[in-house]
Protein backbone atom coordinates (compact mmCIF):
# COMPACT_ATOMS: atom_id res chain seq x y z
CA MET A 1 64.27 40.40 163.69
CA ASP A 2 62.54 43.73 163.96
CA GLU A 3 65.75 45.42 165.09
CA SER A 4 67.80 43.86 162.28
CA ALA A 5 65.20 44.82 159.70
CA ALA A 6 65.21 48.34 161.04
CA THR A 7 68.99 48.33 160.78
CA VAL A 8 68.80 47.26 157.11
CA VAL A 9 66.21 49.92 156.40
CA GLN A 10 68.41 52.51 158.04
CA ARG A 11 71.50 51.42 156.09
CA GLN A 12 69.77 51.39 152.71
CA PRO A 13 69.44 55.17 152.37
CA ASN A 14 73.13 55.55 153.23
CA HIS A 15 74.02 53.15 150.41
CA LEU A 16 71.83 55.05 147.94
CA GLU A 17 73.29 58.27 149.18
CA GLN A 18 76.79 57.00 148.43
CA GLU A 19 75.70 55.96 144.96
CA GLY A 20 74.35 59.47 144.41
CA VAL A 21 77.64 61.00 145.54
CA PHE A 22 79.62 58.73 143.20
CA ALA A 23 77.28 59.55 140.34
CA SER A 24 77.67 63.29 140.91
CA VAL A 25 81.46 62.97 141.13
CA ALA A 26 81.53 60.92 137.92
CA LYS A 27 79.30 63.47 136.22
CA LYS A 28 81.56 66.27 137.36
CA ILE A 29 84.66 64.47 136.07
CA GLY A 30 82.93 63.82 132.77
CA GLY A 31 81.99 67.49 132.50
CA GLU A 32 85.56 68.55 133.19
CA ARG A 33 86.78 66.17 130.51
CA SER A 34 84.26 67.57 128.06
CA ILE A 35 85.61 71.05 128.78
CA ALA A 36 89.27 70.00 128.75
CA LEU A 37 89.18 68.19 125.41
CA PRO A 38 88.18 71.25 123.35
CA GLY A 39 90.81 73.27 125.20
CA ILE A 40 93.50 70.70 124.39
CA PHE A 41 92.35 70.65 120.77
CA VAL A 42 92.60 74.46 120.51
CA LEU A 43 96.12 74.39 122.00
CA LEU A 44 97.18 71.71 119.53
CA VAL A 45 95.82 73.82 116.66
CA PHE A 46 97.80 76.87 117.84
CA TYR A 47 100.99 74.83 118.27
CA THR A 48 100.55 73.35 114.79
CA LEU A 49 100.00 76.77 113.23
CA TYR A 50 103.05 78.14 115.06
CA PHE A 51 105.55 75.39 114.22
CA ALA A 52 104.23 74.77 110.69
CA ALA A 53 104.40 78.47 109.72
CA PRO A 54 106.97 77.96 106.90
CA VAL A 55 104.59 75.50 105.23
CA LEU A 56 101.23 77.08 106.04
CA THR A 57 102.14 80.69 105.20
CA PRO A 58 102.56 80.09 101.43
CA ILE A 59 99.36 78.02 101.43
CA ALA A 60 97.38 80.83 103.08
CA ILE A 61 98.79 83.46 100.70
CA ALA A 62 98.08 81.26 97.68
CA PHE A 63 94.51 80.65 98.86
CA LEU A 64 93.78 84.37 99.29
CA LEU A 65 95.44 85.27 95.99
CA SER A 66 93.52 82.57 94.11
CA VAL A 67 90.22 83.77 95.55
CA MET A 68 90.96 87.42 94.73
CA LEU A 69 92.20 86.71 91.18
CA SER A 70 89.64 84.06 90.27
CA PRO A 71 87.15 86.59 88.77
CA PHE A 72 89.78 87.65 86.21
CA VAL A 73 90.46 84.04 85.24
CA ASP A 74 86.71 83.39 85.00
CA ARG A 75 86.34 86.38 82.67
CA LEU A 76 89.17 85.14 80.44
CA GLU A 77 87.56 81.70 80.34
CA THR A 78 84.27 83.17 79.14
CA ILE A 79 85.98 84.70 76.10
CA GLY A 80 87.50 81.36 75.07
CA ILE A 81 90.91 81.36 76.78
CA PRO A 82 91.67 78.02 78.50
CA ARG A 83 91.63 78.25 82.25
CA VAL A 84 95.23 77.10 82.69
CA ALA A 85 96.50 79.69 80.22
CA GLY A 86 94.35 82.39 81.80
CA ALA A 87 95.64 81.54 85.28
CA ALA A 88 99.25 81.63 84.09
CA ALA A 89 98.70 84.96 82.31
CA VAL A 90 97.10 86.57 85.38
CA ILE A 91 99.90 85.35 87.66
CA VAL A 92 102.59 86.60 85.26
CA ILE A 93 100.98 90.05 85.12
CA VAL A 94 100.57 90.26 88.89
CA PHE A 95 104.08 88.97 89.59
CA ALA A 96 105.62 91.36 87.05
CA THR A 97 103.74 94.30 88.55
CA LEU A 98 104.77 93.44 92.11
CA SER A 99 108.38 92.81 91.06
CA THR A 100 108.54 96.17 89.29
CA ALA A 101 107.14 97.95 92.33
CA LEU A 102 109.57 96.12 94.62
CA VAL A 103 112.59 96.97 92.47
CA THR A 104 111.45 100.59 92.27
CA VAL A 105 111.22 101.07 96.04
CA ALA A 106 114.10 98.74 97.00
CA SER A 107 116.86 101.21 96.25
CA PRO A 108 115.30 104.16 98.17
CA ALA A 109 114.49 101.86 101.08
CA GLN A 110 118.05 100.54 101.23
CA GLU A 111 119.45 104.06 101.07
CA TRP A 112 117.12 105.27 103.83
CA LEU A 113 118.00 102.32 106.08
CA ALA A 114 121.71 102.98 105.54
CA LYS A 115 121.22 106.55 106.78
CA LEU A 116 119.05 105.48 109.71
CA PRO A 117 121.73 105.84 112.45
CA GLU A 118 122.56 109.34 111.23
CA ASN A 119 118.87 110.19 111.00
CA PHE A 120 118.29 109.05 114.56
CA LYS A 121 120.99 111.46 115.75
CA ARG A 122 119.28 114.33 113.94
CA VAL A 123 115.93 113.37 115.43
CA ASP A 124 117.45 113.15 118.89
CA GLN A 125 118.82 116.68 118.57
CA LYS A 126 115.41 118.04 117.54
CA LEU A 127 113.65 116.31 120.42
CA ARG A 128 116.00 117.51 123.16
CA ILE A 129 113.55 120.24 124.14
CA LEU A 130 110.84 117.65 124.70
CA LYS A 131 113.22 115.37 126.61
CA LYS A 132 114.23 117.93 129.25
CA PRO A 133 111.29 117.21 131.62
CA LEU A 134 112.37 113.56 131.69
CA GLN A 135 115.98 114.18 132.60
CA GLU A 136 115.34 114.48 136.32
CA PHE A 137 113.39 111.25 136.32
CA GLN A 138 116.22 109.53 134.45
CA LYS A 139 118.74 110.80 137.01
CA ALA A 140 116.65 109.45 139.87
CA THR A 141 116.32 106.12 138.12
CA GLN A 142 120.07 105.96 137.55
CA GLN A 143 120.71 106.61 141.24
CA ILE A 144 118.39 103.77 142.19
CA GLU A 145 120.17 101.46 139.79
CA ASN A 146 123.56 102.46 141.21
CA ALA A 147 122.31 101.81 144.75
CA ALA A 148 121.12 98.36 143.75
CA ASP A 149 124.31 97.50 141.89
CA ILE A 150 124.98 93.81 142.03
CA SER A 151 128.58 94.01 140.91
CA SER A 152 129.76 92.98 144.39
CA ARG A 153 128.20 89.53 144.00
CA PRO A 154 130.54 86.63 143.27
CA ASN A 155 131.37 86.15 139.64
CA ARG A 156 129.34 83.58 137.80
CA GLN A 157 130.37 81.50 134.87
CA ILE A 158 128.59 82.76 131.76
CA VAL A 159 127.63 80.25 129.11
CA GLU A 160 127.16 81.86 125.72
CA ILE A 161 125.63 80.08 122.78
CA GLN A 162 127.40 80.85 119.56
CA LYS A 163 124.88 82.10 116.99
CA PRO A 164 125.27 81.90 113.23
CA GLY A 165 126.81 84.87 111.51
CA ILE A 166 124.84 87.59 109.79
CA ILE A 167 125.86 86.36 106.33
CA GLU A 168 124.65 82.84 107.12
CA GLU A 169 121.33 84.14 108.46
CA LEU A 170 120.78 86.33 105.40
CA PHE A 171 121.63 83.44 103.10
CA ARG A 172 119.22 81.13 104.91
CA GLY A 173 116.53 83.82 104.92
CA THR A 174 116.98 84.39 101.19
CA GLN A 175 116.70 80.67 100.51
CA ARG A 176 113.49 80.42 102.55
CA LEU A 177 112.04 83.51 100.85
CA VAL A 178 112.75 82.20 97.35
CA ALA A 179 111.31 78.78 98.23
CA SER A 180 108.18 80.36 99.75
CA ILE A 181 107.64 82.56 96.68
CA GLY A 182 108.04 79.56 94.37
CA VAL A 183 105.60 77.43 96.36
CA THR A 184 103.10 80.30 96.53
CA LEU A 185 103.20 80.92 92.76
CA ILE A 186 102.85 77.24 91.85
CA LEU A 187 100.01 76.68 94.31
CA THR A 188 98.22 79.87 93.23
CA VAL A 189 98.35 78.86 89.56
CA SER A 190 97.07 75.39 90.45
CA LEU A 191 94.15 76.77 92.47
CA LEU A 192 93.25 79.28 89.77
CA ALA A 193 93.42 76.63 87.07
CA SER A 194 91.20 74.24 89.01
CA GLY A 195 88.62 76.89 89.89
CA GLU A 196 85.81 75.42 91.94
CA ARG A 197 86.53 71.87 90.77
CA PHE A 198 88.93 71.18 93.62
CA LEU A 199 86.41 72.30 96.23
CA ARG A 200 83.62 70.41 94.48
CA ARG A 201 85.63 67.21 94.63
CA ILE A 202 86.02 67.68 98.37
CA VAL A 203 82.27 68.21 98.65
CA THR A 204 81.55 65.14 96.50
CA ALA A 205 83.79 63.01 98.70
CA THR A 206 82.25 64.21 101.97
CA SER A 207 78.58 64.81 101.06
CA ALA A 208 75.71 62.87 99.55
CA GLY A 209 72.39 63.58 97.86
CA GLU A 210 70.89 67.03 98.32
CA ASP A 211 73.79 68.06 100.56
CA LYS A 212 76.05 68.24 97.50
CA LYS A 213 73.93 70.86 95.77
CA TYR A 214 73.62 72.90 98.97
CA ALA A 215 77.37 72.65 99.61
CA GLU A 216 78.17 73.77 96.05
CA ILE A 217 75.91 76.81 96.49
CA ILE A 218 77.68 77.64 99.76
CA ILE A 219 81.13 77.28 98.15
CA HIS A 220 80.19 79.58 95.27
CA SER A 221 78.77 82.16 97.69
CA ILE A 222 81.87 82.04 99.92
CA ARG A 223 84.20 82.51 96.94
CA HIS A 224 82.13 85.42 95.65
CA ASP A 225 81.94 87.24 99.01
CA LEU A 226 85.59 86.66 99.81
CA ALA A 227 86.76 87.78 96.36
CA TYR A 228 84.65 90.93 96.69
CA TYR A 229 86.15 91.70 100.11
CA LEU A 230 89.77 91.07 99.07
CA ALA A 231 89.43 93.12 95.89
CA GLY A 232 87.67 95.95 97.73
CA ILE A 233 90.12 96.18 100.63
CA THR A 234 93.08 95.97 98.23
CA LEU A 235 91.78 98.88 96.14
CA ILE A 236 91.04 100.91 99.29
CA ASN A 237 94.55 100.35 100.65
CA MET A 238 96.11 101.20 97.29
CA GLY A 239 94.10 104.42 97.24
CA LEU A 240 95.28 105.24 100.75
CA GLY A 241 98.89 104.58 99.77
CA LEU A 242 98.51 106.71 96.64
CA SER A 243 97.11 109.57 98.72
CA VAL A 244 100.02 109.40 101.17
CA GLY A 245 102.50 109.29 98.28
CA LEU A 246 100.97 112.36 96.62
CA LEU A 247 100.82 114.26 99.92
CA SER A 248 104.45 113.40 100.62
CA TYR A 249 105.45 114.65 97.18
CA ALA A 250 103.41 117.84 97.65
CA LEU A 251 105.09 118.53 101.01
CA GLY A 252 108.53 118.01 99.50
CA ILE A 253 109.34 114.77 101.35
CA GLU A 254 111.95 112.59 99.70
CA ASN A 255 111.10 109.06 98.51
CA ALA A 256 107.38 109.77 98.33
CA LEU A 257 106.78 106.56 96.33
CA LEU A 258 108.41 104.51 99.09
CA TRP A 259 106.17 105.89 101.82
CA GLY A 260 103.07 105.46 99.69
CA THR A 261 103.98 101.81 99.05
CA VAL A 262 104.71 101.16 102.72
CA THR A 263 101.37 102.72 103.65
CA ALA A 264 99.47 100.55 101.15
CA VAL A 265 101.08 97.38 102.52
CA LEU A 266 100.81 98.12 106.24
CA ALA A 267 97.19 99.23 105.83
CA PHE A 268 96.22 95.55 105.60
CA ALA A 269 96.80 95.42 109.38
CA PRO A 270 94.32 97.97 110.82
CA TYR A 271 95.16 99.85 114.03
CA ILE A 272 98.64 98.38 114.49
CA GLY A 273 99.55 99.05 110.86
CA SER A 274 98.16 102.59 111.07
CA LEU A 275 100.13 103.25 114.25
CA THR A 276 103.31 101.97 112.58
CA ILE A 277 102.69 104.19 109.56
CA MET A 278 102.21 107.24 111.79
CA LEU A 279 105.49 106.54 113.61
CA LEU A 280 107.34 106.11 110.32
CA LEU A 281 105.88 109.29 108.84
CA THR A 282 106.74 111.19 112.02
CA LEU A 283 110.31 109.96 111.84
CA VAL A 284 110.52 110.90 108.17
CA GLY A 285 109.13 114.35 108.93
CA LEU A 286 111.59 114.93 111.76
CA VAL A 287 114.44 114.01 109.44
CA GLN A 288 113.14 116.09 106.55
CA PHE A 289 111.98 119.29 108.27
CA GLU A 290 113.62 121.67 110.74
CA THR A 291 110.75 122.11 113.19
CA VAL A 292 108.59 119.56 115.00
CA SER A 293 105.38 121.29 113.90
CA GLN A 294 106.30 120.84 110.24
CA ALA A 295 107.24 117.22 110.84
CA LEU A 296 103.81 116.42 112.30
CA ILE A 297 101.82 117.75 109.31
CA LEU A 298 101.89 114.53 107.28
CA PRO A 299 101.21 112.16 110.23
CA PHE A 300 98.16 114.18 111.27
CA ILE A 301 96.86 114.32 107.71
CA PHE A 302 97.31 110.54 107.47
CA LEU A 303 95.46 110.10 110.79
CA ALA A 304 92.49 112.10 109.51
CA LEU A 305 92.56 110.32 106.16
CA SER A 306 92.82 106.87 107.75
CA THR A 307 89.96 107.63 110.13
CA PHE A 308 87.78 108.75 107.23
CA VAL A 309 88.62 105.63 105.23
CA GLN A 310 87.91 103.23 108.09
CA SER A 311 84.70 104.91 109.24
CA VAL A 312 83.17 105.98 105.90
CA VAL A 313 84.82 104.43 102.84
CA VAL A 314 85.22 100.86 104.10
CA PRO A 315 81.61 100.49 105.37
CA TYR A 316 80.27 102.07 102.17
CA VAL A 317 82.31 99.90 99.81
CA LEU A 318 82.24 96.60 101.68
CA GLY A 319 78.93 96.90 103.50
CA ARG A 320 78.20 96.19 107.14
CA ARG A 321 78.13 92.43 106.64
CA LEU A 322 81.85 92.21 105.84
CA LEU A 323 82.97 94.41 108.73
CA LEU A 324 84.57 93.02 111.89
CA ASN A 325 84.58 93.75 115.59
CA PRO A 326 87.60 96.00 116.41
CA ILE A 327 88.48 93.80 119.39
CA ALA A 328 88.45 90.71 117.17
CA ILE A 329 90.68 92.50 114.65
CA PHE A 330 93.17 93.54 117.31
CA LEU A 331 93.34 90.04 118.84
CA ALA A 332 93.65 88.41 115.42
CA ILE A 333 96.57 90.66 114.48
CA LEU A 334 98.31 89.91 117.78
CA ILE A 335 97.80 86.15 117.54
CA TRP A 336 98.67 85.75 113.86
CA GLY A 337 101.57 88.18 114.23
CA TRP A 338 102.91 86.08 117.11
CA MET A 339 102.57 82.86 115.10
CA TRP A 340 103.65 83.99 111.62
CA GLY A 341 105.42 87.31 112.16
CA ILE A 342 104.82 90.31 109.90
CA ILE A 343 103.19 88.15 107.22
CA GLY A 344 100.76 86.81 109.82
CA ALA A 345 99.85 90.33 110.96
CA LEU A 346 99.10 91.34 107.36
CA LEU A 347 97.06 88.17 106.70
CA ALA A 348 95.17 88.28 110.01
CA VAL A 349 92.20 90.36 108.88
CA PRO A 350 91.67 88.64 105.49
CA LEU A 351 91.81 85.25 107.21
CA LEU A 352 89.41 86.43 109.90
CA VAL A 353 86.98 87.73 107.28
CA SER A 354 87.23 84.39 105.47
CA PHE A 355 86.36 82.58 108.69
CA LYS A 356 83.44 84.93 109.34
CA ILE A 357 82.04 84.44 105.84
CA ILE A 358 82.22 80.67 106.27
CA CYS A 359 80.50 80.85 109.66
CA GLU A 360 77.65 82.90 108.17
CA LYS A 361 76.79 80.10 105.74
CA PHE A 362 76.24 77.43 108.40
CA GLN A 363 73.46 77.60 110.94
CA SER A 364 75.49 76.05 113.76
CA LEU A 365 78.34 78.56 113.28
CA ARG A 366 76.28 81.74 112.94
CA PRO A 367 76.72 82.69 116.66
CA ILE A 368 80.46 82.94 115.97
CA ALA A 369 79.81 85.18 112.96
CA GLU A 370 77.55 87.38 115.11
CA PHE A 371 80.28 87.58 117.74
CA LEU A 372 82.81 88.73 115.12
CA ALA A 373 80.42 91.34 113.72
CA PRO A 374 80.82 94.99 114.84
């Protein structure tokens, strides 16, 4: 009996030990699941944003436009104009202004693109002096490619997928563009006409008691901060584009209005947009002027002007609270540009600022806002 009892006593710790091992394994699996689920959710969000771009892009543009233009509609409402009429009037004025600007620069842009192959030849001739040091490297690379020629391999059957013609693609693209513009205008007018009522209805349906009042205060604050940012950054970019246009005209560069407009638009994508503008202005200068030194005058002036705007004007006008971490800006432009193309790259920073403003208003999300801050 004593030996059997001792055996039971000896086996009992082993059984408890096994239970402890199983518990730790189960806890580990549960922890991995808790980590995996948010990761799966994030991936699903990215896939949804990517594949639903034709639907979500007009919605995002309409949301930003409604927030930026809402102060004008509010002002018209205070002087007795109905909100629907005020929203329609503001949209008509904005659409007419943008259409006029687009028609004005469309012809010079089309003419410049038509001459682009010829312009590239002229640029190539002017850059031959700079390309001489690379010729030896290119020869060595060509020799390596010739040595590794795979033409002696057996022929393989090539399967080629027939793509739609250029005319069909342009027709489809035009149809999508017209549909997107129509959806954006209708949705923008609807959001402007509703004002804060639409958001308040969402709050009323999801909140109760004192939470409704607090949520309404948060909504009003978010709309105010976001409208201030969008209006401020739009005016700053328009000023930058106007400066580039005037400098181009003063230097005798053709189509100065075109390059000022392109600068104002691409300035909504910091860093990448500025780099693109510099490359375009360099190309324009190389086409316009005889020497490389003359061609680099405007790009270097733009670089100094852009640096001054980003480091002095933007912090002074918008304040430190609405600024973003440069790394966050760069990543946002890459991600949104990958998902929504050029439109996504231009909307990346306004959308990121919107997200940061929302995070600042909620205690649980403030660490994210602090992470996005410079």
